[in-house]
């Protein structure tokens, strides 16, 4: 597939070649992330087109490039958003490779998983835990990883608000409940199905995104790409509370009175992920266990999946199957 103006187009390509340090993976499933939507809708800085989107890739290693010793043919791996970091810049040396000035991202700079085959730098491919089908594992590779990074940045407060109850939120809600935290789920107004889904996963309360929760929150994570929700969340977090913006793209945050930020409240963003995030989350997910809800689509129906995500018709996560 190649990114176009709001859609993707089918395209025949030669099977890519694994160069030294790389692996060739036969794609078995690829999640549809909101970042893919931002890419095809032109909301991210432009990249070279054509590009194959998709960075929630689960597949089987078919060819191992020279120099790769930790993976072998037949291994099942996940390929996430971060596809390369230089290891030499100040951010990399400080353990913050997610901010690497030379980073390359899967499905954005490197061809991704809306395809039958994908090539990845083997250092950025991770074994998928047993117990997950290919389809169920796909959302773990991005929604889970970014969600988990945002979750840890939200601190250890007991009451956690999740704004936008989609792919990432439904995974992180399970982690929070497992950690004995109270989850408050905020959905689109009158989205009874999403609110019921949140309650089934253990949410203490679920309501519309502009409703006030019954208690002040210790922290909130904004998964929906809507800037006004930052202000909404700030109005509901307690003093010293944290509001984490978890998306790569968000509409503008409107101006708001200083009193909402006062009392040492914090607003911060999450940028990308590190390989350590992947190791940590993929280790903890099967122990909880984190369960995924997916809607499957044939690869040829990628535009339908993107449209359903854009219009809020996906419950949980959308996954493409070659």
Protein backbone atom coordinates (compact mmCIF):
# COMPACT_ATOMS: atom_id res chain seq x y z
CA UNK A 1 0.00 0.00 0.00
CA UNK A 2 1.15 3.58 -0.48
CA UNK A 3 -0.04 6.65 1.38
CA UNK A 4 -2.19 9.05 -0.56
CA UNK A 5 -4.52 11.94 0.16
CA UNK A 6 -6.66 10.45 2.88
CA UNK A 7 -6.38 6.89 1.63
CA UNK A 8 -3.98 4.16 0.57
CA UNK A 9 -3.66 2.48 -2.79
CA UNK A 10 -2.79 -1.14 -3.68
CA UNK A 11 0.64 -1.58 -5.22
CA UNK A 12 2.75 -4.58 -6.24
CA UNK A 13 6.31 -4.59 -4.91
CA UNK A 14 9.18 -7.03 -5.06
CA UNK A 15 9.77 -8.91 -1.82
CA UNK A 16 12.33 -6.80 0.07
CA UNK A 17 15.82 -8.07 0.88
CA UNK A 18 17.22 -8.33 4.39
CA UNK A 19 20.55 -6.50 4.46
CA UNK A 20 23.20 -7.09 7.15
CA UNK A 21 21.67 -6.48 10.57
CA UNK A 22 18.10 -6.85 9.26
CA UNK A 23 15.40 -9.49 9.19
CA UNK A 24 12.79 -10.22 6.53
CA UNK A 25 9.42 -10.89 8.14
CA UNK A 26 6.32 -12.42 6.58
CA UNK A 27 3.53 -10.26 7.98
CA UNK A 28 0.73 -12.15 9.68
CA UNK A 29 -1.10 -9.15 11.16
CA UNK A 30 -0.68 -5.39 11.34
CA UNK A 31 -2.63 -3.11 13.64
CA UNK A 32 -4.14 0.11 12.32
CA UNK A 33 -2.92 2.96 14.50
CA UNK A 34 -4.23 6.49 14.67
CA UNK A 35 -0.76 7.59 13.62
CA UNK A 36 -1.36 5.79 10.31
CA UNK A 37 -4.50 7.86 9.97
CA UNK A 38 -2.60 11.08 10.66
CA UNK A 39 -0.08 10.03 8.00
CA UNK A 40 -2.57 9.35 5.23
CA UNK A 41 -4.59 12.43 6.18
CA UNK A 42 -1.50 14.63 5.80
CA UNK A 43 -1.41 15.73 9.44
CA UNK A 44 2.23 14.73 10.01
CA UNK A 45 5.30 16.36 8.48
CA UNK A 46 5.62 15.04 4.92
CA UNK A 47 7.71 11.99 4.14
CA UNK A 48 8.83 10.52 0.86
CA UNK A 49 5.88 9.01 -0.98
CA UNK A 50 5.15 6.22 -1.73
CA UNK A 51 5.51 4.68 1.71
CA UNK A 52 3.94 1.56 3.15
CA UNK A 53 2.23 2.49 6.43
CA UNK A 54 1.84 0.27 9.48
CA UNK A 55 3.89 -0.16 12.66
CA UNK A 56 1.98 -2.70 14.75
CA UNK A 57 3.48 -5.61 12.87
CA UNK A 58 3.40 -9.25 13.94
CA UNK A 59 5.01 -11.80 11.71
CA UNK A 60 7.48 -14.63 11.32
CA UNK A 61 11.15 -14.19 10.47
CA UNK A 62 11.89 -15.75 7.08
CA UNK A 63 15.40 -14.49 6.37
CA UNK A 64 18.08 -13.35 8.81
CA UNK A 65 20.64 -10.87 7.53
CA UNK A 66 24.35 -11.18 8.16
CA UNK A 67 25.39 -10.36 11.70
CA UNK A 68 22.04 -11.08 13.35
CA UNK A 69 22.51 -13.60 16.16
CA UNK A 70 19.56 -13.11 18.55
CA UNK A 71 16.84 -14.02 16.03
CA UNK A 72 16.46 -16.93 13.66
CA UNK A 73 14.13 -18.04 10.89
CA UNK A 74 10.79 -19.13 12.33
CA UNK A 75 10.81 -16.70 15.28
CA UNK A 76 7.60 -14.73 15.74
CA UNK A 77 8.36 -11.05 16.23
CA UNK A 78 6.72 -7.68 16.59
CA UNK A 79 7.99 -4.60 14.77
CA UNK A 80 7.03 -1.30 16.47
CA UNK A 81 7.08 2.42 15.60
CA UNK A 82 10.73 3.05 16.50
CA UNK A 83 12.74 1.48 13.69
CA UNK A 84 16.19 2.99 14.26
CA UNK A 85 18.12 5.26 16.59
CA UNK A 86 21.73 6.33 16.14
CA UNK A 87 23.06 5.44 19.58
CA UNK A 88 25.43 8.40 19.44
CA UNK A 89 23.45 11.61 20.01
CA UNK A 90 22.93 13.13 23.45
CA UNK A 91 19.45 11.71 23.77
CA UNK A 92 20.55 8.17 22.91
CA UNK A 93 23.49 8.35 25.29
CA UNK A 94 21.11 9.50 28.04
CA UNK A 95 18.81 6.49 27.51
CA UNK A 96 16.19 8.54 25.65
CA UNK A 97 16.44 7.02 22.20
CA UNK A 98 12.78 7.89 21.65
CA UNK A 99 14.02 11.48 21.11
CA UNK A 100 16.97 10.54 18.89
CA UNK A 101 17.67 13.31 16.39
CA UNK A 102 18.36 10.71 13.69
CA UNK A 103 15.52 8.32 14.53
CA UNK A 104 13.62 6.52 11.80
CA UNK A 105 10.11 5.21 12.27
CA UNK A 106 8.36 2.17 10.84
CA UNK A 107 5.62 2.96 8.36
CA UNK A 108 6.81 6.58 8.20
CA UNK A 109 10.46 6.59 7.14
CA UNK A 110 10.77 2.83 6.63
CA UNK A 111 8.17 0.75 4.79
CA UNK A 112 5.76 -0.80 7.26
CA UNK A 113 3.29 -3.60 7.66
CA UNK A 114 0.36 -2.87 5.35
CA UNK A 115 1.97 -5.53 3.20
CA UNK A 116 2.77 -9.22 2.94
CA UNK A 117 6.44 -8.76 3.84
CA UNK A 118 8.42 -6.24 5.85
CA UNK A 119 12.11 -5.70 6.59
CA UNK A 120 13.29 -4.37 9.94
CA UNK A 121 16.50 -3.61 11.76
CA UNK A 122 16.76 -6.74 13.90
CA UNK A 123 17.63 -4.68 16.99
CA UNK A 124 14.13 -3.21 16.87
CA UNK A 125 12.21 -6.46 16.47
CA UNK A 126 10.90 -8.19 19.58
CA UNK A 127 9.71 -11.70 20.28
CA UNK A 128 5.97 -11.90 20.83
CA UNK A 129 4.86 -13.65 24.04
CA UNK A 130 3.26 -17.07 23.75
CA UNK A 131 -0.47 -17.15 24.43
CA UNK A 132 -1.39 -14.39 21.98
CA UNK A 133 -2.63 -15.05 18.48
CA UNK A 134 -1.04 -12.95 15.74
CA UNK A 135 -4.15 -10.79 15.52
CA UNK A 136 -4.46 -10.29 19.26
CA UNK A 137 -0.77 -9.48 19.60
CA UNK A 138 -0.70 -6.71 16.99
CA UNK A 139 -2.17 -3.92 19.19
CA UNK A 140 0.39 -4.69 21.90
CA UNK A 141 3.19 -3.53 19.59
CA UNK A 142 2.13 0.14 19.53
CA UNK A 143 -1.09 0.85 21.42
CA UNK A 144 0.33 -1.20 24.27
CA UNK A 145 3.85 0.23 24.15
CA UNK A 146 2.91 3.90 23.83
CA UNK A 147 0.10 3.42 26.32
CA UNK A 148 2.46 1.82 28.81
CA UNK A 149 5.00 4.62 28.46
CA UNK A 150 2.23 7.19 29.03
CA UNK A 151 0.94 5.17 31.98
CA UNK A 152 4.31 5.22 33.70
CA UNK A 153 4.69 8.95 33.06
CA UNK A 154 1.33 9.53 34.74
CA UNK A 155 2.87 8.59 38.08
CA UNK A 156 1.55 6.37 40.83
CA UNK A 157 -1.64 8.18 41.77
CA UNK A 158 -4.63 6.04 42.68
CA UNK A 159 -7.28 7.67 40.45
CA UNK A 160 -6.46 7.62 36.73
CA UNK A 161 -8.53 9.20 33.97
CA UNK A 162 -8.35 7.85 30.41
CA UNK A 163 -9.67 10.19 27.71
CA UNK A 164 -10.52 8.33 24.51
CA UNK A 165 -11.29 4.68 25.18
CA UNK A 166 -9.82 3.02 22.12
CA UNK A 167 -6.90 0.75 21.29
CA UNK A 168 -4.40 2.05 23.85
CA UNK A 169 -6.82 2.89 26.64
CA UNK A 170 -8.50 -0.51 26.70
CA UNK A 171 -5.09 -2.13 27.21
CA UNK A 172 -3.77 0.29 29.81
CA UNK A 173 -7.03 0.18 31.75
CA UNK A 174 -6.30 -3.49 32.41
CA UNK A 175 -2.79 -2.69 33.64
CA UNK A 176 -4.14 0.01 35.97
CA UNK A 177 -6.85 -2.25 37.39
CA UNK A 178 -4.23 -4.96 37.93
CA UNK A 179 -2.18 -2.36 39.85
CA UNK A 180 -5.20 -1.68 42.12
CA UNK A 181 -5.87 1.77 40.68
CA UNK A 182 -9.26 3.30 40.01
CA UNK A 183 -9.89 3.92 36.32
CA UNK A 184 -12.19 6.68 35.10
CA UNK A 185 -12.98 6.27 31.39
CA UNK A 186 -13.98 9.24 29.25
CA UNK A 187 -15.55 8.50 25.87
CA UNK A 188 -17.40 10.38 23.18
CA UNK A 189 -20.68 11.70 24.61
CA UNK A 190 -23.42 9.08 24.59
CA UNK A 191 -21.07 6.29 23.49
CA UNK A 192 -22.82 3.72 25.65
CA UNK A 193 -20.97 0.78 24.09
CA UNK A 194 -17.53 2.20 24.88
CA UNK A 195 -18.59 3.08 28.41
CA UNK A 196 -19.97 -0.39 29.00
CA UNK A 197 -16.76 -1.88 27.58
CA UNK A 198 -14.74 0.20 30.04
CA UNK A 199 -16.83 -1.01 32.96
CA UNK A 200 -16.40 -4.62 31.82
CA UNK A 201 -12.64 -4.08 32.01
CA UNK A 202 -12.91 -2.85 35.58
CA UNK A 203 -13.35 0.91 35.27
CA UNK A 204 -14.74 2.50 38.42
CA UNK A 205 -16.65 5.07 36.38
CA UNK A 206 -17.30 5.77 32.69
CA UNK A 207 -18.88 8.82 31.12
CA UNK A 208 -18.66 11.41 28.36
CA UNK A 209 -15.47 13.35 27.74
CA UNK A 210 -16.99 16.61 29.02
CA UNK A 211 -18.53 15.11 32.15
CA UNK A 212 -17.02 15.66 35.57
CA UNK A 213 -15.85 12.48 37.31
CA UNK A 214 -17.25 11.80 40.77
CA UNK A 215 -13.80 12.41 42.31
CA UNK A 216 -10.77 14.50 41.48
CA UNK A 217 -8.18 12.58 39.45
CA UNK A 218 -4.56 12.10 40.39
CA UNK A 219 -3.60 11.85 36.74
CA UNK A 220 -5.13 11.70 33.28
CA UNK A 221 -3.90 10.36 29.95
CA UNK A 222 -5.21 11.90 26.74
CA UNK A 223 -5.37 9.30 23.99
CA UNK A 224 -7.88 11.14 21.78
CA UNK A 225 -6.20 13.68 19.43
CA UNK A 226 -8.35 16.56 20.68
CA UNK A 227 -6.57 19.54 22.27
CA UNK A 228 -9.63 20.77 24.21
CA UNK A 229 -9.51 17.56 26.25
CA UNK A 230 -6.24 18.74 27.81
CA UNK A 231 -8.07 21.68 29.33
CA UNK A 232 -10.97 19.44 30.31
CA UNK A 233 -8.62 17.02 32.06
CA UNK A 234 -6.76 19.82 33.84
CA UNK A 235 -10.04 20.97 35.35
CA UNK A 236 -10.52 17.54 36.92
CA UNK A 237 -7.07 16.68 38.26
CA UNK A 238 -6.19 17.35 41.88
CA UNK A 239 -3.29 19.58 42.95
CA UNK A 240 0.04 18.12 41.79
CA UNK A 241 -1.91 16.07 39.22
CA UNK A 242 -0.43 15.11 35.86
CA UNK A 243 -2.02 15.30 32.42
CA UNK A 244 -0.17 13.18 29.83
CA UNK A 245 -0.72 13.74 26.11
CA UNK A 246 -0.06 10.37 24.50
CA UNK A 247 -0.58 11.01 20.79
CA UNK A 248 1.92 11.97 18.11
CA UNK A 249 -0.54 14.52 16.75
CA UNK A 250 -3.22 16.58 18.48
CA UNK A 251 -5.39 19.51 17.52
CA UNK A 252 -4.44 22.83 19.09
CA UNK A 253 -4.88 23.21 22.83
CA UNK A 254 -7.09 26.24 23.48
CA UNK A 255 -6.04 28.93 25.92
CA UNK A 256 -7.09 28.36 29.52
CA UNK A 257 -6.90 30.24 32.82
CA UNK A 258 -3.73 29.83 34.85
CA UNK A 259 -5.73 28.64 37.84
CA UNK A 260 -6.21 25.28 36.08
CA UNK A 261 -2.45 24.76 35.94
CA UNK A 262 -1.68 26.26 39.34
CA UNK A 263 -1.09 24.12 42.44
CA UNK A 264 1.76 22.31 40.71
CA UNK A 265 -0.28 20.54 38.08
CA UNK A 266 1.75 19.25 35.13
CA UNK A 267 1.03 18.85 31.41
CA UNK A 268 3.48 16.72 29.46
CA UNK A 269 3.69 14.79 26.21
CA UNK A 270 4.87 11.32 25.31
CA UNK A 271 7.08 11.04 22.24
CA UNK A 272 7.55 7.68 20.57
CA UNK A 273 8.94 4.77 22.60
CA UNK A 274 12.17 3.05 23.55
CA UNK A 275 13.24 -0.54 23.15
CA UNK A 276 13.12 -0.84 26.93
CA UNK A 277 9.43 0.11 26.85
CA UNK A 278 8.92 -2.82 24.49
CA UNK A 279 10.83 -5.26 26.66
CA UNK A 280 9.02 -4.17 29.80
CA UNK A 281 5.49 -4.20 28.42
CA UNK A 282 5.81 -7.43 26.44
CA UNK A 283 7.08 -9.06 29.63
CA UNK A 284 4.23 -7.84 31.85
CA UNK A 285 1.31 -8.15 29.39
CA UNK A 286 0.97 -11.96 29.53
CA UNK A 287 1.31 -11.99 33.31
CA UNK A 288 -1.71 -9.75 33.94
CA UNK A 289 -2.87 -10.97 31.34
CA UNK A 290 -3.71 -8.02 29.08
CA UNK A 291 -6.41 -9.03 26.61
CA UNK A 292 -7.06 -7.25 23.35
CA UNK A 293 -10.34 -6.57 21.58
CA UNK A 294 -9.84 -6.42 17.83
CA UNK A 295 -11.80 -5.87 14.65
CA UNK A 296 -10.24 -7.76 11.74
CA UNK A 297 -10.01 -6.49 8.18
CA UNK A 298 -8.47 -7.97 5.04
CA UNK A 299 -5.40 -6.06 3.88
CA UNK A 300 -7.33 -5.10 0.74
CA UNK A 301 -9.85 -3.33 3.01
CA UNK A 302 -7.25 -1.05 4.61
CA UNK A 303 -9.17 2.07 3.58
CA UNK A 304 -12.30 0.75 5.27
CA UNK A 305 -10.32 0.17 8.46
CA UNK A 306 -8.87 3.68 8.30
CA UNK A 307 -12.31 5.16 7.67
CA UNK A 308 -13.84 3.22 10.55
CA UNK A 309 -11.09 4.46 12.86
CA UNK A 310 -11.51 8.03 11.63
CA UNK A 311 -15.26 7.91 12.26
CA UNK A 312 -15.05 6.18 15.65
CA UNK A 313 -16.52 2.89 14.49
CA UNK A 314 -13.74 0.70 15.90
CA UNK A 315 -14.23 -0.92 19.29
CA UNK A 316 -10.81 -1.71 20.68
CA UNK A 317 -8.25 -1.99 17.86
CA UNK A 318 -8.40 -2.53 14.10
CA UNK A 319 -6.06 -5.16 12.64
CA UNK A 320 -5.25 -5.94 9.00
CA UNK A 321 -4.69 -9.51 7.86
CA UNK A 322 -2.68 -10.15 4.65
